[in-house]
PDB file of N, CA and C in Angstrom:
ATOM      1  N   MET A   1       0.813  -1.185  -0.006  1.00  0.00           N
ATOM      2  CA  MET A   1       0.013   0.004   0.008  1.00  0.00           C
ATOM      3  C   MET A   1       0.849   1.268   0.027  1.00  0.00           C
ATOM      4  N   ILE A   2       1.997   1.163   0.650  1.00  0.00           N
ATOM      5  CA  ILE A   2       2.890   2.320   0.693  1.00  0.00           C
ATOM      6  C   ILE A   2       3.369   2.713  -0.701  1.00  0.00           C
ATOM      7  N   LEU A   3       3.882   1.731  -1.421  1.00  0.00           N
ATOM      8  CA  LEU A   3       4.358   2.006  -2.787  1.00  0.00           C
ATOM      9  C   LEU A   3       3.234   2.471  -3.687  1.00  0.00           C
ATOM     10  N   LYS A   4       2.054   1.894  -3.553  1.00  0.00           N
ATOM     11  CA  LYS A   4       0.935   2.331  -4.383  1.00  0.00           C
ATOM     12  C   LYS A   4       0.584   3.767  -4.124  1.00  0.00           C
ATOM     13  N   GLN A   5       0.563   4.169  -2.864  1.00  0.00           N
ATOM     14  CA  GLN A   5       0.247   5.588  -2.561  1.00  0.00           C
ATOM     15  C   GLN A   5       1.287   6.524  -3.082  1.00  0.00           C
ATOM     16  N   THR A   6       2.563   6.130  -3.029  1.00  0.00           N
ATOM     17  CA  THR A   6       3.592   7.062  -3.569  1.00  0.00           C
ATOM     18  C   THR A   6       3.510   7.121  -5.103  1.00  0.00           C
ATOM     19  N   ILE A   7       3.153   5.981  -5.693  1.00  0.00           N
ATOM     20  CA  ILE A   7       2.974   5.978  -7.197  1.00  0.00           C
ATOM     21  C   ILE A   7       1.801   6.845  -7.594  1.00  0.00           C
ATOM     22  N   ASP A   8       0.737   6.821  -6.748  1.00  0.00           N
ATOM     23  CA  ASP A   8      -0.407   7.698  -7.019  1.00  0.00           C
ATOM     24  C   ASP A   8      -0.036   9.158  -6.979  1.00  0.00           C
ATOM     25  N   VAL A   9       0.772   9.514  -5.976  1.00  0.00           N
ATOM     26  CA  VAL A   9       1.230  10.907  -5.841  1.00  0.00           C
ATOM     27  C   VAL A   9       2.069  11.259  -7.099  1.00  0.00           C
ATOM     28  N   TRP A  10       2.935  10.362  -7.545  1.00  0.00           N
ATOM     29  CA  TRP A  10       3.763  10.592  -8.728  1.00  0.00           C
ATOM     30  C   TRP A  10       2.844  10.828  -9.961  1.00  0.00           C
ATOM     31  N   ASN A  11       1.853  10.019 -10.092  1.00  0.00           N
ATOM     32  CA  ASN A  11       0.929  10.130 -11.204  1.00  0.00           C
ATOM     33  C   ASN A  11       0.154  11.441 -11.145  1.00  0.00           C
ATOM     34  N   GLU A  12      -0.274  11.844  -9.933  1.00  0.00           N
ATOM     35  CA  GLU A  12      -0.960  13.147  -9.796  1.00  0.00           C
ATOM     36  C   GLU A  12      -0.051  14.292 -10.094  1.00  0.00           C
ATOM     37  N   TYR A  13       1.224  14.136  -9.768  1.00  0.00           N
ATOM     38  CA  TYR A  13       2.213  15.164 -10.111  1.00  0.00           C
ATOM     39  C   TYR A  13       2.273  15.355 -11.663  1.00  0.00           C
ATOM     40  N   HIS A  14       2.310  14.219 -12.331  1.00  0.00           N
ATOM     41  CA  HIS A  14       2.395  14.287 -13.789  1.00  0.00           C
ATOM     42  C   HIS A  14       1.095  14.750 -14.474  1.00  0.00           C
ATOM     43  N   GLU A  15      -0.003  14.653 -13.717  1.00  0.00           N
ATOM     44  CA  GLU A  15      -1.256  15.156 -14.224  1.00  0.00           C
ATOM     45  C   GLU A  15      -1.448  16.630 -13.915  1.00  0.00           C
ATOM     46  N   GLY A  16      -0.519  17.210 -13.124  1.00  0.00           N
ATOM     47  CA  GLY A  16      -0.600  18.597 -12.731  1.00  0.00           C
ATOM     48  C   GLY A  16      -1.355  18.865 -11.435  1.00  0.00           C
ATOM     49  N   ALA A  17      -1.810  17.797 -10.762  1.00  0.00           N
ATOM     50  CA  ALA A  17      -2.605  18.001  -9.536  1.00  0.00           C
ATOM     51  C   ALA A  17      -1.705  18.123  -8.279  1.00  0.00           C
ATOM     52  N   LYS A  18      -0.413  17.772  -8.408  1.00  0.00           N
ATOM     53  CA  LYS A  18       0.515  17.917  -7.286  1.00  0.00           C
ATOM     54  C   LYS A  18       1.720  18.689  -7.720  1.00  0.00           C
ATOM     55  N   VAL A  19       2.497  19.220  -6.784  1.00  0.00           N
ATOM     56  CA  VAL A  19       3.753  19.935  -7.082  1.00  0.00           C
ATOM     57  C   VAL A  19       4.906  19.112  -6.544  1.00  0.00           C
ATOM     58  N   PHE A  20       6.148  19.574  -6.875  1.00  0.00           N
ATOM     59  CA  PHE A  20       7.344  18.805  -6.499  1.00  0.00           C
ATOM     60  C   PHE A  20       7.437  18.600  -5.004  1.00  0.00           C
ATOM     61  N   GLU A  21       7.017  19.603  -4.222  1.00  0.00           N
ATOM     62  CA  GLU A  21       7.066  19.488  -2.750  1.00  0.00           C
ATOM     63  C   GLU A  21       6.219  18.319  -2.250  1.00  0.00           C
ATOM     64  N   ASP A  22       5.114  18.029  -2.958  1.00  0.00           N
ATOM     65  CA  ASP A  22       4.263  16.914  -2.607  1.00  0.00           C
ATOM     66  C   ASP A  22       4.994  15.591  -2.761  1.00  0.00           C
ATOM     67  N   LEU A  23       5.894  15.530  -3.756  1.00  0.00           N
ATOM     68  CA  LEU A  23       6.686  14.316  -3.933  1.00  0.00           C
ATOM     69  C   LEU A  23       7.632  14.137  -2.734  1.00  0.00           C
ATOM     70  N   ALA A  24       8.248  15.231  -2.288  1.00  0.00           N
ATOM     71  CA  ALA A  24       9.151  15.150  -1.155  1.00  0.00           C
ATOM     72  C   ALA A  24       8.391  14.703   0.121  1.00  0.00           C
ATOM     73  N   LYS A  25       7.197  15.279   0.291  1.00  0.00           N
ATOM     74  CA  LYS A  25       6.389  14.919   1.462  1.00  0.00           C
ATOM     75  C   LYS A  25       5.996  13.418   1.376  1.00  0.00           C
ATOM     76  N   ALA A  26       5.654  12.955   0.204  1.00  0.00           N
ATOM     77  CA  ALA A  26       5.270  11.583   0.034  1.00  0.00           C
ATOM     78  C   ALA A  26       6.397  10.627   0.347  1.00  0.00           C
ATOM     79  N   LYS A  27       7.621  11.044  -0.058  1.00  0.00           N
ATOM     80  CA  LYS A  27       8.804  10.251   0.255  1.00  0.00           C
ATOM     81  C   LYS A  27       9.071  10.182   1.736  1.00  0.00           C
ATOM     82  N   GLU A  28       8.984  11.321   2.439  1.00  0.00           N
ATOM     83  CA  GLU A  28       9.176  11.333   3.869  1.00  0.00           C
ATOM     84  C   GLU A  28       8.168  10.407   4.575  1.00  0.00           C
ATOM     85  N   TRP A  29       6.906  10.522   4.191  1.00  0.00           N
ATOM     86  CA  TRP A  29       5.840   9.710   4.760  1.00  0.00           C
ATOM     87  C   TRP A  29       6.121   8.256   4.523  1.00  0.00           C
ATOM     88  N   ALA A  30       6.480   7.882   3.291  1.00  0.00           N
ATOM     89  CA  ALA A  30       6.695   6.504   2.880  1.00  0.00           C
ATOM     90  C   ALA A  30       7.852   5.887   3.656  1.00  0.00           C
ATOM     91  N   ILE A  31       8.924   6.627   3.805  1.00  0.00           N
ATOM     92  CA  ILE A  31      10.096   6.103   4.522  1.00  0.00           C
ATOM     93  C   ILE A  31       9.782   5.896   5.991  1.00  0.00           C
ATOM     94  N   SER A  32       9.041   6.858   6.554  1.00  0.00           N
ATOM     95  CA  SER A  32       8.662   6.753   7.976  1.00  0.00           C
ATOM     96  C   SER A  32       7.771   5.562   8.184  1.00  0.00           C
ATOM     97  N   ARG A  33       6.788   5.339   7.301  1.00  0.00           N
ATOM     98  CA  ARG A  33       5.838   4.261   7.417  1.00  0.00           C
ATOM     99  C   ARG A  33       6.587   2.916   7.193  1.00  0.00           C
ATOM    100  N   MET A  34       7.440   2.900   6.205  1.00  0.00           N
ATOM    101  CA  MET A  34       8.168   1.684   5.895  1.00  0.00           C
ATOM    102  C   MET A  34       9.088   1.280   7.079  1.00  0.00           C
ATOM    103  N   MET A  35       9.700   2.220   7.735  1.00  0.00           N
ATOM    104  CA  MET A  35      10.557   1.930   8.880  1.00  0.00           C
ATOM    105  C   MET A  35       9.719   1.335  10.015  1.00  0.00           C
ATOM    106  N   GLU A  36       8.490   1.843  10.224  1.00  0.00           N
ATOM    107  CA  GLU A  36       7.624   1.245  11.273  1.00  0.00           C
ATOM    108  C   GLU A  36       7.342  -0.210  10.933  1.00  0.00           C
ATOM    109  N   LEU A  37       7.068  -0.459   9.688  1.00  0.00           N
ATOM    110  CA  LEU A  37       6.749  -1.874   9.288  1.00  0.00           C
ATOM    111  C   LEU A  37       7.943  -2.802   9.361  1.00  0.00           C
ATOM    112  N   LEU A  38       9.088  -2.268   8.981  1.00  0.00           N
ATOM    113  CA  LEU A  38      10.344  -3.076   9.011  1.00  0.00           C
ATOM    114  C   LEU A  38      10.763  -3.466  10.432  1.00  0.00           C
ATOM    115  N   LEU A  39      10.312  -2.719  11.396  1.00  0.00           N
ATOM    116  CA  LEU A  39      10.646  -3.014  12.818  1.00  0.00           C
ATOM    117  C   LEU A  39       9.744  -4.074  13.412  1.00  0.00           C
ATOM    118  N   LEU A  40       8.673  -4.420  12.752  1.00  0.00           N
ATOM    119  CA  LEU A  40       7.755  -5.459  13.273  1.00  0.00           C
ATOM    120  C   LEU A  40       8.464  -6.812  13.252  1.00  0.00           C
ATOM    121  N   PRO A  41       8.160  -7.719  14.165  1.00  0.00           N
ATOM    122  CA  PRO A  41       8.750  -9.031  14.135  1.00  0.00           C
ATOM    123  C   PRO A  41       8.149  -9.830  13.012  1.00  0.00           C
ATOM    124  N   ILE A  42       9.027 -10.542  12.328  1.00  0.00           N
ATOM    125  CA  ILE A  42       8.640 -11.364  11.148  1.00  0.00           C
ATOM    126  C   ILE A  42       9.057 -12.829  11.360  1.00  0.00           C
ATOM    127  N   GLY A  43       8.083 -13.709  11.198  1.00  0.00           N
ATOM    128  CA  GLY A  43       8.398 -15.100  11.371  1.00  0.00           C
ATOM    129  C   GLY A  43       8.740 -15.885  10.136  1.00  0.00           C
ATOM    130  N   HIS A  44       8.082 -15.587   9.039  1.00  0.00           N
ATOM    131  CA  HIS A  44       8.280 -16.331   7.823  1.00  0.00           C
ATOM    132  C   HIS A  44       9.588 -15.944   7.109  1.00  0.00           C
ATOM    133  N   LYS A  45      10.329 -16.965   6.669  1.00  0.00           N
ATOM    134  CA  LYS A  45      11.674 -16.720   6.118  1.00  0.00           C
ATOM    135  C   LYS A  45      11.624 -15.944   4.798  1.00  0.00           C
ATOM    136  N   ASP A  46      10.554 -16.165   3.984  1.00  0.00           N
ATOM    137  CA  ASP A  46      10.476 -15.377   2.734  1.00  0.00           C
ATOM    138  C   ASP A  46      10.218 -13.945   2.999  1.00  0.00           C
ATOM    139  N   THR A  47       9.414 -13.658   3.998  1.00  0.00           N
ATOM    140  CA  THR A  47       9.107 -12.293   4.400  1.00  0.00           C
ATOM    141  C   THR A  47      10.379 -11.593   4.934  1.00  0.00           C
ATOM    142  N   ARG A  48      11.145 -12.351   5.681  1.00  0.00           N
ATOM    143  CA  ARG A  48      12.415 -11.804   6.193  1.00  0.00           C
ATOM    144  C   ARG A  48      13.352 -11.481   5.073  1.00  0.00           C
ATOM    145  N   ARG A  49      13.384 -12.351   4.018  1.00  0.00           N
ATOM    146  CA  ARG A  49      14.236 -12.139   2.864  1.00  0.00           C
ATOM    147  C   ARG A  49      13.824 -10.863   2.135  1.00  0.00           C
ATOM    148  N   VAL A  50      12.486 -10.642   2.011  1.00  0.00           N
ATOM    149  CA  VAL A  50      12.007  -9.406   1.362  1.00  0.00           C
ATOM    150  C   VAL A  50      12.403  -8.156   2.193  1.00  0.00           C
ATOM    151  N   ARG A  51      12.298  -8.310   3.504  1.00  0.00           N
ATOM    152  CA  ARG A  51      12.672  -7.190   4.403  1.00  0.00           C
ATOM    153  C   ARG A  51      14.163  -6.871   4.190  1.00  0.00           C
ATOM    154  N   ARG A  52      15.003  -7.878   4.128  1.00  0.00           N
ATOM    155  CA  ARG A  52      16.463  -7.601   3.922  1.00  0.00           C
ATOM    156  C   ARG A  52      16.707  -6.880   2.616  1.00  0.00           C
ATOM    157  N   ARG A  53      15.971  -7.239   1.540  1.00  0.00           N
ATOM    158  CA  ARG A  53      16.128  -6.591   0.273  1.00  0.00           C
ATOM    159  C   ARG A  53      15.635  -5.180   0.284  1.00  0.00           C
ATOM    160  N   ILE A  54      14.517  -4.917   1.006  1.00  0.00           N
ATOM    161  CA  ILE A  54      14.069  -3.545   1.121  1.00  0.00           C
ATOM    162  C   ILE A  54      15.081  -2.690   1.841  1.00  0.00           C
ATOM    163  N   ILE A  55      15.650  -3.262   2.905  1.00  0.00           N
ATOM    164  CA  ILE A  55      16.680  -2.489   3.638  1.00  0.00           C
ATOM    165  C   ILE A  55      17.915  -2.274   2.768  1.00  0.00           C
ATOM    166  N   LYS A  56      18.326  -3.273   2.009  1.00  0.00           N
ATOM    167  CA  LYS A  56      19.503  -3.201   1.149  1.00  0.00           C
ATOM    168  C   LYS A  56      19.304  -2.118   0.053  1.00  0.00           C
ATOM    169  N   TYR A  57      18.119  -2.123  -0.555  1.00  0.00           N
ATOM    170  CA  TYR A  57      17.869  -1.230  -1.683  1.00  0.00           C
ATOM    171  C   TYR A  57      17.013  -0.033  -1.367  1.00  0.00           C
ATOM    172  N   ASN A  58      17.012   0.354  -0.108  1.00  0.00           N
ATOM    173  CA  ASN A  58      16.073   1.431   0.348  1.00  0.00           C
ATOM    174  C   ASN A  58      16.324   2.768  -0.422  1.00  0.00           C
ATOM    175  N   GLN A  59      17.527   3.070  -0.810  1.00  0.00           N
ATOM    176  CA  GLN A  59      17.771   4.312  -1.501  1.00  0.00           C
ATOM    177  C   GLN A  59      17.187   4.308  -2.905  1.00  0.00           C
ATOM    178  N   GLU A  60      17.066   3.120  -3.490  1.00  0.00           N
ATOM    179  CA  GLU A  60      16.488   3.025  -4.873  1.00  0.00           C
ATOM    180  C   GLU A  60      15.012   2.944  -4.925  1.00  0.00           C
ATOM    181  N   LEU A  61      14.365   2.613  -3.818  1.00  0.00           N
ATOM    182  CA  LEU A  61      12.912   2.395  -3.836  1.00  0.00           C
ATOM    183  C   LEU A  61      12.131   3.626  -4.222  1.00  0.00           C
ATOM    184  N   PHE A  62      12.554   4.796  -3.812  1.00  0.00           N
ATOM    185  CA  PHE A  62      11.787   5.988  -4.031  1.00  0.00           C
ATOM    186  C   PHE A  62      12.514   6.969  -4.975  1.00  0.00           C
ATOM    187  N   THR A  63      13.359   6.484  -5.823  1.00  0.00           N
ATOM    188  CA  THR A  63      14.067   7.321  -6.784  1.00  0.00           C
ATOM    189  C   THR A  63      13.069   8.184  -7.615  1.00  0.00           C
ATOM    190  N   PHE A  64      11.953   7.588  -7.928  1.00  0.00           N
ATOM    191  CA  PHE A  64      10.973   8.290  -8.754  1.00  0.00           C
ATOM    192  C   PHE A  64      10.396   9.505  -8.076  1.00  0.00           C
ATOM    193  N   LEU A  65      10.498   9.583  -6.748  1.00  0.00           N
ATOM    194  CA  LEU A  65      10.022  10.787  -6.033  1.00  0.00           C
ATOM    195  C   LEU A  65      11.100  11.837  -5.979  1.00  0.00           C
ATOM    196  N   ASP A  66      12.363  11.442  -6.053  1.00  0.00           N
ATOM    197  CA  ASP A  66      13.434  12.420  -6.086  1.00  0.00           C
ATOM    198  C   ASP A  66      13.583  13.045  -7.469  1.00  0.00           C
ATOM    199  N   ASN A  67      13.379  12.242  -8.468  1.00  0.00           N
ATOM    200  CA  ASN A  67      13.492  12.664  -9.873  1.00  0.00           C
ATOM    201  C   ASN A  67      12.257  12.228 -10.634  1.00  0.00           C
ATOM    202  N   PRO A  68      11.305  13.183 -10.834  1.00  0.00           N
ATOM    203  CA  PRO A  68      10.053  12.799 -11.434  1.00  0.00           C
ATOM    204  C   PRO A  68      10.168  12.357 -12.891  1.00  0.00           C
ATOM    205  N   LEU A  69      11.312  12.464 -13.489  1.00  0.00           N
ATOM    206  CA  LEU A  69      11.535  11.995 -14.869  1.00  0.00           C
ATOM    207  C   LEU A  69      11.718  10.451 -14.859  1.00  0.00           C
ATOM    208  N   VAL A  70      12.033   9.899 -13.689  1.00  0.00           N
ATOM    209  CA  VAL A  70      12.217   8.464 -13.541  1.00  0.00           C
ATOM    210  C   VAL A  70      10.849   7.853 -13.219  1.00  0.00           C
ATOM    211  N   GLY A  71      10.479   6.860 -13.975  1.00  0.00           N
ATOM    212  CA  GLY A  71       9.160   6.224 -13.677  1.00  0.00           C
ATOM    213  C   GLY A  71       9.196   5.382 -12.439  1.00  0.00           C
ATOM    214  N   PRO A  72       8.054   5.155 -11.806  1.00  0.00           N
ATOM    215  CA  PRO A  72       8.009   4.345 -10.608  1.00  0.00           C
ATOM    216  C   PRO A  72       8.071   2.842 -10.878  1.00  0.00           C
ATOM    217  N   THR A  73       7.942   2.436 -12.105  1.00  0.00           N
ATOM    218  CA  THR A  73       8.033   1.040 -12.450  1.00  0.00           C
ATOM    219  C   THR A  73       9.019   0.861 -13.575  1.00  0.00           C
ATOM    220  N   ASN A  74       9.328  -0.382 -13.914  1.00  0.00           N
ATOM    221  CA  ASN A  74      10.233  -0.644 -15.033  1.00  0.00           C
ATOM    222  C   ASN A  74       9.450  -1.069 -16.286  1.00  0.00           C
ATOM    223  N   ASN A  75       8.161  -0.769 -16.318  1.00  0.00           N
ATOM    224  CA  ASN A  75       7.338  -1.173 -17.452  1.00  0.00           C
ATOM    225  C   ASN A  75       7.824  -0.635 -18.796  1.00  0.00           C
ATOM    226  N   ARG A  76       8.217   0.672 -18.801  1.00  0.00           N
ATOM    227  CA  ARG A  76       8.713   1.280 -20.056  1.00  0.00           C
ATOM    228  C   ARG A  76       9.992   0.606 -20.519  1.00  0.00           C
ATOM    229  N   ALA A  77      10.849   0.269 -19.589  1.00  0.00           N
ATOM    230  CA  ALA A  77      12.101  -0.373 -19.946  1.00  0.00           C
ATOM    231  C   ALA A  77      11.856  -1.761 -20.506  1.00  0.00           C
ATOM    232  N   LYS A  78      10.936  -2.499 -19.907  1.00  0.00           N
ATOM    233  CA  LYS A  78      10.635  -3.866 -20.417  1.00  0.00           C
ATOM    234  C   LYS A  78      10.012  -3.730 -21.814  1.00  0.00           C
ATOM    235  N   ALA A  79       9.117  -2.762 -22.016  1.00  0.00           N
ATOM    236  CA  ALA A  79       8.492  -2.585 -23.300  1.00  0.00           C
ATOM    237  C   ALA A  79       9.542  -2.252 -24.381  1.00  0.00           C
ATOM    238  N   ALA A  80      10.495  -1.427 -24.011  1.00  0.00           N
ATOM    239  CA  ALA A  80      11.555  -1.064 -24.942  1.00  0.00           C
ATOM    240  C   ALA A  80      12.413  -2.267 -25.327  1.00  0.00           C
ATOM    241  N   ILE A  81      12.696  -3.068 -24.354  1.00  0.00           N
ATOM    242  CA  ILE A  81      13.475  -4.302 -24.623  1.00  0.00           C
ATOM    243  C   ILE A  81      12.709  -5.246 -25.525  1.00  0.00           C
ATOM    244  N   LYS A  82      11.386  -5.400 -25.220  1.00  0.00           N
ATOM    245  CA  LYS A  82      10.584  -6.255 -26.090  1.00  0.00           C
ATOM    246  C   LYS A  82      10.500  -5.747 -27.493  1.00  0.00           C
ATOM    247  N   ALA A  83      10.298  -4.413 -27.645  1.00  0.00           N
ATOM    248  CA  ALA A  83      10.236  -3.806 -28.975  1.00  0.00           C
ATOM    249  C   ALA A  83      11.560  -4.028 -29.723  1.00  0.00           C
ATOM    250  N   LYS A  84      12.647  -3.870 -29.027  1.00  0.00           N
ATOM    251  CA  LYS A  84      13.935  -4.087 -29.687  1.00  0.00           C
ATOM    252  C   LYS A  84      14.041  -5.525 -30.152  1.00  0.00           C
ATOM    253  N   GLY A  85      13.568  -6.472 -29.318  1.00  0.00           N
ATOM    254  CA  GLY A  85      13.648  -7.868 -29.693  1.00  0.00           C
ATOM    255  C   GLY A  85      12.785  -8.138 -30.903  1.00  0.00           C
ATOM    256  N   ARG A  86      11.609  -7.592 -30.974  1.00  0.00           N
ATOM    257  CA  ARG A  86      10.769  -7.766 -32.136  1.00  0.00           C
ATOM    258  C   ARG A  86      11.400  -7.144 -33.379  1.00  0.00           C
ATOM    259  N   HIS A  87      12.054  -6.001 -33.176  1.00  0.00           N
ATOM    260  CA  HIS A  87      12.741  -5.399 -34.297  1.00  0.00           C
ATOM    261  C   HIS A  87      13.862  -6.247 -34.843  1.00  0.00           C
ATOM    262  N   GLU A  88      14.591  -6.889 -33.896  1.00  0.00           N
ATOM    263  CA  GLU A  88      15.669  -7.772 -34.346  1.00  0.00           C
ATOM    264  C   GLU A  88      15.145  -8.959 -35.133  1.00  0.00           C
ATOM    265  N   LEU A  89      13.976  -9.433 -34.774  1.00  0.00           N
ATOM    266  CA  LEU A  89      13.388 -10.547 -35.531  1.00  0.00           C
ATOM    267  C   LEU A  89      12.963 -10.182 -36.917  1.00  0.00           C
ATOM    268  N   LYS A  90      12.647  -8.923 -37.128  1.00  0.00           N
ATOM    269  CA  LYS A  90      12.126  -8.461 -38.413  1.00  0.00           C
ATOM    270  C   LYS A  90      13.228  -7.934 -39.356  1.00  0.00           C
ATOM    271  N   LYS A  91      14.476  -8.053 -38.970  1.00  0.00           N
ATOM    272  CA  LYS A  91      15.585  -7.570 -39.827  1.00  0.00           C
ATOM    273  C   LYS A  91      15.520  -8.319 -41.169  1.00  0.00           C
ATOM    274  N   PRO A  92      15.730  -7.574 -42.220  1.00  0.00           N
ATOM    275  CA  PRO A  92      15.759  -8.253 -43.509  1.00  0.00           C
ATOM    276  C   PRO A  92      16.998  -9.161 -43.542  1.00  0.00           C
ATOM    277  N   ARG A  93      16.777 -10.333 -44.121  1.00  0.00           N
ATOM    278  CA  ARG A  93      17.847 -11.321 -44.185  1.00  0.00           C
ATOM    279  C   ARG A  93      18.440 -11.286 -45.644  1.00  0.00           C
ATOM    280  N   LEU A  94      19.677 -11.496 -45.672  1.00  0.00           N
ATOM    281  CA  LEU A  94      20.407 -11.526 -46.991  1.00  0.00           C
ATOM    282  C   LEU A  94      20.106 -12.846 -47.654  1.00  0.00           C
ATOM    283  N   ASN A  95      19.568 -12.768 -48.854  1.00  0.00           N
ATOM    284  CA  ASN A  95      19.221 -14.017 -49.559  1.00  0.00           C
ATOM    285  C   ASN A  95      20.303 -14.189 -50.634  1.00  0.00           C
ATOM    286  N   LEU A  96      21.099 -15.247 -50.519  1.00  0.00           N
ATOM    287  CA  LEU A  96      22.177 -15.516 -51.451  1.00  0.00           C
ATOM    288  C   LEU A  96      21.746 -16.448 -52.557  1.00  0.00           C
ATOM    289  N   GLY A  97      20.488 -16.729 -52.585  1.00  0.00           N
ATOM    290  CA  GLY A  97      19.970 -17.599 -53.641  1.00  0.00           C
ATOM    291  C   GLY A  97      20.156 -19.060 -53.298  1.00  0.00           C
ATOM    292  N   THR A  98      19.968 -19.915 -54.265  1.00  0.00           N
ATOM    293  CA  THR A  98      20.021 -21.322 -54.084  1.00  0.00           C
ATOM    294  C   THR A  98      21.401 -21.814 -54.555  1.00  0.00           C
ATOM    295  N   VAL A  99      22.043 -22.639 -53.834  1.00  0.00           N
ATOM    296  CA  VAL A  99      23.315 -23.234 -54.173  1.00  0.00           C
ATOM    297  C   VAL A  99      23.078 -24.572 -54.744  1.00  0.00           C
ATOM    298  N   ILE A 100      23.607 -24.806 -55.921  1.00  0.00           N
ATOM    299  CA  ILE A 100      23.440 -26.100 -56.576  1.00  0.00           C
ATOM    300  C   ILE A 100      24.780 -26.808 -56.545  1.00  0.00           C
ATOM    301  N   ILE A 101      24.789 -28.006 -56.012  1.00  0.00           N
ATOM    302  CA  ILE A 101      25.981 -28.783 -55.935  1.00  0.00           C
ATOM    303  C   ILE A 101      25.931 -29.853 -57.048  1.00  0.00           C
ATOM    304  N   LEU A 102      27.007 -29.873 -57.866  1.00  0.00           N
ATOM    305  CA  LEU A 102      27.065 -30.867 -58.970  1.00  0.00           C
ATOM    306  C   LEU A 102      28.001 -32.016 -58.659  1.00  0.00           C
TER     307      LEU A 102
END
């Protein structure tokens, strides 16, 4: 829910409904809330693994709030890679004709 709310603020900024200061406030709120959640006891090993990764990559989680030109997801990057892959498949191939062996 924390990430969704910060992404909503980012989207509202790009729609003109929010200003840059709102992004900074959203980041402060999100970090504060995330710290509260990270301090809770966790029993399941997969959840502990996710917590370790959040702690390890905490500076990267909210980059999109520091720099509004950076998207909150990697969807555009994935689409660009897929488009490049499709383009590679459509390259014209050199046809050297038929080789006849006598």
